[in-house]
Amino acid sequence: MSKNMPRNRAFPCIRSSERGFSLIEAMVALAIFAIGSLGILSLFLGSFSSSAENQNLTSGYEIAQSAIGVLRANGSNALAMNGATVTPSGASNVALAPVASVMSAYGMAPQAQVSLTVSSLLGSQQCPCSATVSVSWGGGAQTYRSQTVVGY
């Protein structure tokens, strides 16, 4: 055999130094690809849970703003709503019934609750009042609070 003749008899046009990947090299490449893919998958799963949490916070914000709107619409009578609660199925104060509708529209779970705390800024039974609206869901594990002044 001369030096210029290929040594591979099955494929005479391929030289022995140009055979391609071995099985071990292919398996190592596949393992590296799998580890990289798992990293990307964990990023996607993390973003989905963050997205769900942000959606809940946005819903909590919208529900709190709805309750604050009702308090502001009642003006100086807002103090009468101190201690009121709202669930998706109903409200302890008739004026807060629209907030229950908003909770239902956002798909809040039945155990979700809005609590209102209204106190006079003057130290009397008159407004202007400080109002705190707390929206809790997930068995109280997540809460959104908003505070404002009403009845001025």
N, C-alpha and C. Protein backbone atom coordinates (compact mmCIF):
# COMPACT_ATOMS: atom_id res chain seq x y z
N MET A 1 0.82 -1.17 0.00
CA MET A 1 0.00 0.00 0.00
C MET A 1 0.87 1.25 0.00
N SER A 2 0.48 2.19 -0.79
CA SER A 2 1.27 3.41 -0.83
C SER A 2 0.77 4.38 0.23
N LYS A 3 1.51 5.41 0.45
CA LYS A 3 1.15 6.39 1.46
C LYS A 3 -0.10 7.18 1.09
N ASN A 4 -0.36 7.38 -0.15
CA ASN A 4 -1.50 8.16 -0.61
C ASN A 4 -2.79 7.36 -0.66
N MET A 5 -2.72 6.08 -0.52
CA MET A 5 -3.92 5.23 -0.59
C MET A 5 -4.66 5.28 0.75
N PRO A 6 -5.98 5.39 0.74
CA PRO A 6 -6.74 5.37 1.98
C PRO A 6 -6.67 4.00 2.64
N ARG A 7 -6.76 3.97 3.96
CA ARG A 7 -6.64 2.71 4.70
C ARG A 7 -7.98 2.10 5.04
N ASN A 8 -9.07 2.79 4.90
CA ASN A 8 -10.39 2.29 5.22
C ASN A 8 -10.93 1.52 4.02
N ARG A 9 -11.14 0.22 4.18
CA ARG A 9 -11.57 -0.60 3.04
C ARG A 9 -13.07 -0.48 2.78
N ALA A 10 -13.88 -0.26 3.82
CA ALA A 10 -15.32 -0.14 3.62
C ALA A 10 -15.68 1.14 2.87
N PHE A 11 -14.99 2.20 3.21
CA PHE A 11 -15.21 3.48 2.55
C PHE A 11 -13.84 3.99 2.09
N PRO A 12 -13.42 3.58 0.94
CA PRO A 12 -12.06 3.91 0.50
C PRO A 12 -11.81 5.42 0.36
N CYS A 13 -12.85 6.23 0.21
CA CYS A 13 -12.62 7.65 0.02
C CYS A 13 -12.40 8.39 1.35
N ILE A 14 -12.63 7.73 2.51
CA ILE A 14 -12.48 8.37 3.81
C ILE A 14 -11.17 7.91 4.43
N ARG A 15 -10.37 8.86 4.84
CA ARG A 15 -9.11 8.53 5.51
C ARG A 15 -9.38 8.15 6.96
N SER A 16 -8.49 7.45 7.59
CA SER A 16 -8.70 6.99 8.96
C SER A 16 -8.77 8.16 9.94
N SER A 17 -8.20 9.29 9.65
CA SER A 17 -8.25 10.45 10.55
C SER A 17 -9.55 11.25 10.37
N GLU A 18 -10.41 10.88 9.42
CA GLU A 18 -11.65 11.61 9.13
C GLU A 18 -12.88 10.74 9.35
N ARG A 19 -12.88 9.91 10.36
CA ARG A 19 -13.99 8.99 10.56
C ARG A 19 -15.24 9.64 11.14
N GLY A 20 -15.14 10.73 11.89
CA GLY A 20 -16.31 11.37 12.48
C GLY A 20 -16.32 11.20 13.98
N PHE A 21 -17.50 11.31 14.58
CA PHE A 21 -17.64 11.23 16.03
C PHE A 21 -17.73 9.79 16.48
N SER A 22 -17.16 9.54 17.66
CA SER A 22 -17.32 8.22 18.26
C SER A 22 -18.61 8.23 19.08
N LEU A 23 -19.04 7.09 19.51
CA LEU A 23 -20.26 6.97 20.31
C LEU A 23 -20.12 7.73 21.62
N ILE A 24 -18.97 7.68 22.24
CA ILE A 24 -18.76 8.37 23.51
C ILE A 24 -18.85 9.88 23.32
N GLU A 25 -18.28 10.40 22.25
CA GLU A 25 -18.36 11.84 21.98
C GLU A 25 -19.80 12.27 21.76
N ALA A 26 -20.56 11.48 21.06
CA ALA A 26 -21.98 11.80 20.83
C ALA A 26 -22.76 11.78 22.14
N MET A 27 -22.48 10.82 23.03
CA MET A 27 -23.18 10.73 24.32
C MET A 27 -22.82 11.90 25.23
N VAL A 28 -21.55 12.31 25.22
CA VAL A 28 -21.14 13.46 26.02
C VAL A 28 -21.84 14.72 25.51
N ALA A 29 -21.90 14.90 24.20
CA ALA A 29 -22.59 16.06 23.63
C ALA A 29 -24.07 16.05 24.00
N LEU A 30 -24.69 14.89 23.97
CA LEU A 30 -26.09 14.77 24.33
C LEU A 30 -26.29 15.09 25.81
N ALA A 31 -25.39 14.64 26.67
CA ALA A 31 -25.49 14.93 28.11
C ALA A 31 -25.37 16.43 28.37
N ILE A 32 -24.44 17.09 27.70
CA ILE A 32 -24.27 18.54 27.85
C ILE A 32 -25.54 19.27 27.37
N PHE A 33 -26.09 18.84 26.28
CA PHE A 33 -27.33 19.43 25.77
C PHE A 33 -28.48 19.24 26.76
N ALA A 34 -28.58 18.04 27.36
CA ALA A 34 -29.66 17.76 28.31
C ALA A 34 -29.52 18.64 29.55
N ILE A 35 -28.31 18.81 30.07
CA ILE A 35 -28.11 19.66 31.25
C ILE A 35 -28.47 21.11 30.94
N GLY A 36 -28.07 21.59 29.78
CA GLY A 36 -28.44 22.95 29.37
C GLY A 36 -29.94 23.11 29.21
N SER A 37 -30.58 22.11 28.66
CA SER A 37 -32.04 22.16 28.48
C SER A 37 -32.77 22.18 29.81
N LEU A 38 -32.28 21.45 30.80
CA LEU A 38 -32.90 21.46 32.12
C LEU A 38 -32.78 22.83 32.77
N GLY A 39 -31.65 23.49 32.57
CA GLY A 39 -31.49 24.85 33.09
C GLY A 39 -32.49 25.80 32.48
N ILE A 40 -32.68 25.72 31.19
CA ILE A 40 -33.66 26.58 30.51
C ILE A 40 -35.08 26.25 30.97
N LEU A 41 -35.36 24.97 31.16
CA LEU A 41 -36.69 24.55 31.62
C LEU A 41 -36.98 25.12 33.01
N SER A 42 -35.99 25.11 33.90
CA SER A 42 -36.22 25.65 35.24
C SER A 42 -36.48 27.16 35.18
N LEU A 43 -35.84 27.86 34.25
CA LEU A 43 -36.13 29.29 34.08
C LEU A 43 -37.57 29.52 33.64
N PHE A 44 -38.05 28.70 32.71
CA PHE A 44 -39.44 28.82 32.27
C PHE A 44 -40.42 28.56 33.41
N LEU A 45 -40.18 27.52 34.19
CA LEU A 45 -41.08 27.21 35.30
C LEU A 45 -41.08 28.33 36.34
N GLY A 46 -39.91 28.90 36.61
CA GLY A 46 -39.84 30.02 37.53
C GLY A 46 -40.59 31.23 37.03
N SER A 47 -40.52 31.48 35.74
CA SER A 47 -41.24 32.63 35.19
C SER A 47 -42.74 32.42 35.23
N PHE A 48 -43.20 31.17 35.07
CA PHE A 48 -44.64 30.91 35.16
C PHE A 48 -45.15 31.19 36.57
N SER A 49 -44.42 30.77 37.60
CA SER A 49 -44.88 31.02 38.97
C SER A 49 -44.83 32.51 39.29
N SER A 50 -43.82 33.22 38.80
CA SER A 50 -43.76 34.67 39.00
C SER A 50 -44.92 35.36 38.30
N SER A 51 -45.26 34.88 37.13
CA SER A 51 -46.37 35.46 36.39
C SER A 51 -47.69 35.28 37.14
N ALA A 52 -47.91 34.10 37.71
CA ALA A 52 -49.14 33.85 38.48
C ALA A 52 -49.18 34.73 39.72
N GLU A 53 -48.05 34.89 40.40
CA GLU A 53 -48.01 35.74 41.59
C GLU A 53 -48.28 37.20 41.23
N ASN A 54 -47.71 37.66 40.13
CA ASN A 54 -47.96 39.03 39.69
C ASN A 54 -49.41 39.25 39.28
N GLN A 55 -50.02 38.23 38.68
CA GLN A 55 -51.43 38.34 38.32
C GLN A 55 -52.28 38.47 39.58
N ASN A 56 -51.95 37.70 40.63
CA ASN A 56 -52.68 37.80 41.90
C ASN A 56 -52.51 39.18 42.52
N LEU A 57 -51.29 39.73 42.49
CA LEU A 57 -51.07 41.07 43.05
C LEU A 57 -51.83 42.13 42.27
N THR A 58 -51.89 41.98 40.96
CA THR A 58 -52.66 42.93 40.14
C THR A 58 -54.14 42.83 40.48
N SER A 59 -54.64 41.62 40.66
CA SER A 59 -56.05 41.44 41.05
C SER A 59 -56.29 42.06 42.42
N GLY A 60 -55.37 41.85 43.36
CA GLY A 60 -55.50 42.45 44.69
C GLY A 60 -55.53 43.96 44.62
N TYR A 61 -54.68 44.54 43.78
CA TYR A 61 -54.65 45.99 43.60
C TYR A 61 -55.99 46.49 43.06
N GLU A 62 -56.50 45.84 42.03
CA GLU A 62 -57.77 46.28 41.42
C GLU A 62 -58.93 46.16 42.41
N ILE A 63 -58.95 45.10 43.19
CA ILE A 63 -60.02 44.91 44.18
C ILE A 63 -59.92 45.97 45.27
N ALA A 64 -58.69 46.25 45.74
CA ALA A 64 -58.50 47.30 46.75
C ALA A 64 -58.94 48.66 46.21
N GLN A 65 -58.61 48.95 44.97
CA GLN A 65 -59.02 50.22 44.38
C GLN A 65 -60.54 50.32 44.26
N SER A 66 -61.19 49.19 44.00
CA SER A 66 -62.65 49.18 43.95
C SER A 66 -63.24 49.50 45.32
N ALA A 67 -62.66 48.91 46.37
CA ALA A 67 -63.14 49.18 47.74
C ALA A 67 -62.88 50.64 48.12
N ILE A 68 -61.73 51.16 47.74
CA ILE A 68 -61.42 52.58 48.03
C ILE A 68 -62.39 53.48 47.29
N GLY A 69 -62.75 53.12 46.08
CA GLY A 69 -63.74 53.90 45.33
C GLY A 69 -65.08 53.95 46.04
N VAL A 70 -65.49 52.82 46.62
CA VAL A 70 -66.76 52.80 47.37
C VAL A 70 -66.64 53.69 48.61
N LEU A 71 -65.51 53.62 49.30
CA LEU A 71 -65.31 54.46 50.49
C LEU A 71 -65.36 55.94 50.12
N ARG A 72 -64.69 56.30 49.04
CA ARG A 72 -64.69 57.70 48.61
C ARG A 72 -66.08 58.16 48.15
N ALA A 73 -66.82 57.26 47.53
CA ALA A 73 -68.18 57.62 47.08
C ALA A 73 -69.11 57.87 48.27
N ASN A 74 -68.82 57.24 49.40
CA ASN A 74 -69.65 57.44 50.59
C ASN A 74 -69.24 58.65 51.41
N GLY A 75 -68.16 59.30 51.01
CA GLY A 75 -67.73 60.55 51.63
C GLY A 75 -67.61 60.46 53.14
N SER A 76 -68.30 61.36 53.83
CA SER A 76 -68.19 61.44 55.30
C SER A 76 -68.82 60.25 56.00
N ASN A 77 -69.57 59.42 55.29
CA ASN A 77 -70.15 58.21 55.89
C ASN A 77 -69.20 57.01 55.84
N ALA A 78 -67.99 57.22 55.34
CA ALA A 78 -67.03 56.13 55.22
C ALA A 78 -66.69 55.51 56.56
N LEU A 79 -66.75 56.30 57.63
CA LEU A 79 -66.43 55.79 58.97
C LEU A 79 -67.37 54.67 59.38
N ALA A 80 -68.57 54.65 58.83
CA ALA A 80 -69.55 53.59 59.15
C ALA A 80 -69.11 52.24 58.59
N MET A 81 -68.15 52.22 57.69
CA MET A 81 -67.70 50.95 57.09
C MET A 81 -66.48 50.35 57.80
N ASN A 82 -66.12 50.92 58.94
CA ASN A 82 -65.01 50.38 59.70
C ASN A 82 -65.30 48.93 60.10
N GLY A 83 -64.38 48.03 59.83
CA GLY A 83 -64.54 46.62 60.19
C GLY A 83 -65.32 45.80 59.17
N ALA A 84 -65.75 46.41 58.09
CA ALA A 84 -66.53 45.67 57.08
C ALA A 84 -65.63 44.67 56.36
N THR A 85 -66.23 43.57 55.93
CA THR A 85 -65.51 42.54 55.18
C THR A 85 -66.29 42.20 53.92
N VAL A 86 -65.54 41.74 52.92
CA VAL A 86 -66.14 41.35 51.65
C VAL A 86 -65.49 40.05 51.20
N THR A 87 -66.31 39.12 50.72
CA THR A 87 -65.83 37.89 50.09
C THR A 87 -66.44 37.84 48.70
N PRO A 88 -65.97 36.94 47.84
CA PRO A 88 -66.58 36.86 46.51
C PRO A 88 -68.08 36.55 46.54
N SER A 89 -68.55 35.97 47.63
CA SER A 89 -69.98 35.62 47.71
C SER A 89 -70.84 36.70 48.31
N GLY A 90 -70.25 37.73 48.92
CA GLY A 90 -71.08 38.78 49.50
C GLY A 90 -70.28 39.74 50.36
N ALA A 91 -70.99 40.77 50.87
CA ALA A 91 -70.35 41.80 51.68
C ALA A 91 -71.13 42.01 52.97
N SER A 92 -70.41 42.40 54.04
CA SER A 92 -71.07 42.67 55.31
C SER A 92 -71.80 44.02 55.30
N ASN A 93 -71.49 44.87 54.32
CA ASN A 93 -72.15 46.16 54.17
C ASN A 93 -72.68 46.22 52.74
N VAL A 94 -73.93 46.57 52.58
CA VAL A 94 -74.58 46.58 51.26
C VAL A 94 -73.84 47.48 50.27
N ALA A 95 -73.27 48.56 50.75
CA ALA A 95 -72.57 49.49 49.85
C ALA A 95 -71.34 48.84 49.21
N LEU A 96 -70.82 47.78 49.82
CA LEU A 96 -69.62 47.11 49.31
C LEU A 96 -69.93 45.95 48.38
N ALA A 97 -71.20 45.75 48.03
CA ALA A 97 -71.58 44.65 47.13
C ALA A 97 -70.85 44.72 45.78
N PRO A 98 -70.59 45.90 45.20
CA PRO A 98 -69.84 45.92 43.94
C PRO A 98 -68.42 45.35 44.07
N VAL A 99 -67.83 45.46 45.24
CA VAL A 99 -66.49 44.91 45.46
C VAL A 99 -66.54 43.39 45.37
N ALA A 100 -67.61 42.78 45.90
CA ALA A 100 -67.78 41.32 45.80
C ALA A 100 -67.88 40.91 44.34
N SER A 101 -68.57 41.72 43.54
CA SER A 101 -68.68 41.43 42.11
C SER A 101 -67.32 41.50 41.43
N VAL A 102 -66.50 42.48 41.81
CA VAL A 102 -65.16 42.60 41.24
C VAL A 102 -64.32 41.39 41.63
N MET A 103 -64.44 40.95 42.88
CA MET A 103 -63.69 39.77 43.33
C MET A 103 -64.08 38.54 42.51
N SER A 104 -65.36 38.38 42.27
CA SER A 104 -65.83 37.25 41.46
C SER A 104 -65.33 37.35 40.03
N ALA A 105 -65.34 38.57 39.49
CA ALA A 105 -64.90 38.77 38.11
C ALA A 105 -63.41 38.42 37.95
N TYR A 106 -62.61 38.68 38.98
CA TYR A 106 -61.19 38.35 38.93
C TYR A 106 -60.91 36.89 39.28
N GLY A 107 -61.95 36.15 39.59
CA GLY A 107 -61.78 34.72 39.86
C GLY A 107 -61.11 34.43 41.20
N MET A 108 -61.32 35.31 42.17
CA MET A 108 -60.72 35.08 43.47
C MET A 108 -61.40 33.88 44.14
N ALA A 109 -60.62 33.11 44.86
CA ALA A 109 -61.14 31.92 45.54
C ALA A 109 -62.15 32.33 46.61
N PRO A 110 -63.08 31.43 46.96
CA PRO A 110 -64.11 31.77 47.95
C PRO A 110 -63.57 32.22 49.30
N GLN A 111 -62.37 31.75 49.68
CA GLN A 111 -61.81 32.15 50.98
C GLN A 111 -61.08 33.50 50.92
N ALA A 112 -60.98 34.11 49.74
CA ALA A 112 -60.37 35.44 49.63
C ALA A 112 -61.26 36.44 50.37
N GLN A 113 -60.61 37.46 50.94
CA GLN A 113 -61.37 38.40 51.75
C GLN A 113 -60.78 39.80 51.66
N VAL A 114 -61.68 40.79 51.68
CA VAL A 114 -61.30 42.19 51.78
C VAL A 114 -61.72 42.67 53.16
N SER A 115 -60.80 43.32 53.86
CA SER A 115 -61.10 43.88 55.19
C SER A 115 -60.84 45.37 55.15
N LEU A 116 -61.75 46.14 55.75
CA LEU A 116 -61.62 47.59 55.78
C LEU A 116 -61.42 48.06 57.22
N THR A 117 -60.48 48.96 57.38
CA THR A 117 -60.27 49.62 58.67
C THR A 117 -60.32 51.12 58.39
N VAL A 118 -61.28 51.79 59.04
CA VAL A 118 -61.46 53.23 58.82
C VAL A 118 -61.41 53.90 60.18
N SER A 119 -60.54 54.91 60.32
CA SER A 119 -60.44 55.63 61.60
C SER A 119 -60.34 57.12 61.33
N SER A 120 -60.90 57.90 62.24
CA SER A 120 -60.94 59.35 62.09
C SER A 120 -59.54 59.93 62.29
N LEU A 121 -59.19 60.88 61.46
CA LEU A 121 -57.91 61.58 61.61
C LEU A 121 -58.00 62.70 62.65
N LEU A 122 -59.21 63.06 63.00
CA LEU A 122 -59.43 64.16 63.95
C LEU A 122 -59.58 63.65 65.38
N GLY A 123 -59.60 62.35 65.56
CA GLY A 123 -59.77 61.79 66.90
C GLY A 123 -61.22 61.81 67.35
N SER A 124 -62.13 62.06 66.44
CA SER A 124 -63.55 62.09 66.78
C SER A 124 -64.27 61.09 65.88
N GLN A 125 -65.56 61.15 65.86
CA GLN A 125 -66.36 60.27 65.00
C GLN A 125 -66.71 60.96 63.69
N GLN A 126 -65.79 61.78 63.17
CA GLN A 126 -66.02 62.49 61.92
C GLN A 126 -64.84 62.28 60.99
N CYS A 127 -65.13 62.43 59.71
CA CYS A 127 -64.06 62.35 58.71
C CYS A 127 -63.49 63.74 58.51
N PRO A 128 -62.29 63.90 58.02
CA PRO A 128 -61.54 62.97 57.18
C PRO A 128 -61.02 61.77 57.97
N CYS A 129 -60.94 60.66 57.23
CA CYS A 129 -60.58 59.39 57.84
C CYS A 129 -59.42 58.74 57.10
N SER A 130 -58.67 57.96 57.85
CA SER A 130 -57.65 57.11 57.25
C SER A 130 -58.29 55.75 56.99
N ALA A 131 -58.17 55.27 55.78
CA ALA A 131 -58.77 53.98 55.43
C ALA A 131 -57.67 53.03 54.96
N THR A 132 -57.69 51.83 55.52
CA THR A 132 -56.78 50.78 55.09
C THR A 132 -57.61 49.63 54.54
N VAL A 133 -57.30 49.23 53.31
CA VAL A 133 -58.00 48.13 52.66
C VAL A 133 -57.00 46.99 52.52
N SER A 134 -57.33 45.82 53.07
CA SER A 134 -56.48 44.63 52.97
C SER A 134 -57.21 43.58 52.17
N VAL A 135 -56.56 43.10 51.12
CA VAL A 135 -57.11 42.02 50.30
C VAL A 135 -56.21 40.81 50.54
N SER A 136 -56.79 39.73 51.06
CA SER A 136 -55.99 38.53 51.32
C SER A 136 -56.58 37.34 50.57
N TRP A 137 -55.71 36.44 50.14
CA TRP A 137 -56.12 35.23 49.42
C TRP A 137 -55.09 34.15 49.69
N GLY A 138 -55.40 32.96 49.27
CA GLY A 138 -54.49 31.84 49.52
C GLY A 138 -54.43 31.48 50.99
N GLY A 139 -55.56 31.57 51.68
CA GLY A 139 -55.58 31.26 53.11
C GLY A 139 -54.84 32.29 53.94
N GLY A 140 -54.72 33.51 53.43
CA GLY A 140 -54.01 34.56 54.15
C GLY A 140 -52.52 34.59 53.85
N ALA A 141 -52.06 33.67 53.01
CA ALA A 141 -50.63 33.61 52.68
C ALA A 141 -50.20 34.82 51.86
N GLN A 142 -51.11 35.38 51.08
CA GLN A 142 -50.79 36.55 50.27
C GLN A 142 -51.75 37.67 50.60
N THR A 143 -51.23 38.87 50.74
CA THR A 143 -52.05 40.02 51.10
C THR A 143 -51.58 41.25 50.33
N TYR A 144 -52.55 42.04 49.92
CA TYR A 144 -52.26 43.35 49.32
C TYR A 144 -52.96 44.38 50.19
N ARG A 145 -52.20 45.41 50.62
CA ARG A 145 -52.77 46.46 51.46
C ARG A 145 -52.62 47.81 50.75
N SER A 146 -53.63 48.64 50.95
CA SER A 146 -53.60 49.99 50.41
C SER A 146 -54.18 50.92 51.45
N GLN A 147 -53.55 52.09 51.61
CA GLN A 147 -54.03 53.04 52.60
C GLN A 147 -54.25 54.39 51.92
N THR A 148 -55.31 55.08 52.34
CA THR A 148 -55.64 56.38 51.75
C THR A 148 -56.44 57.20 52.73
N VAL A 149 -56.69 58.43 52.40
CA VAL A 149 -57.53 59.32 53.19
C VAL A 149 -58.84 59.49 52.44
N VAL A 150 -59.96 59.36 53.17
CA VAL A 150 -61.29 59.48 52.57
C VAL A 150 -62.14 60.43 53.40
N GLY A 151 -63.23 60.90 52.79
CA GLY A 151 -64.22 61.72 53.48
C GLY A 151 -63.74 63.12 53.78
N TYR A 152 -62.91 63.67 52.96
CA TYR A 152 -62.43 65.04 53.19
C TYR A 152 -63.23 66.04 52.42
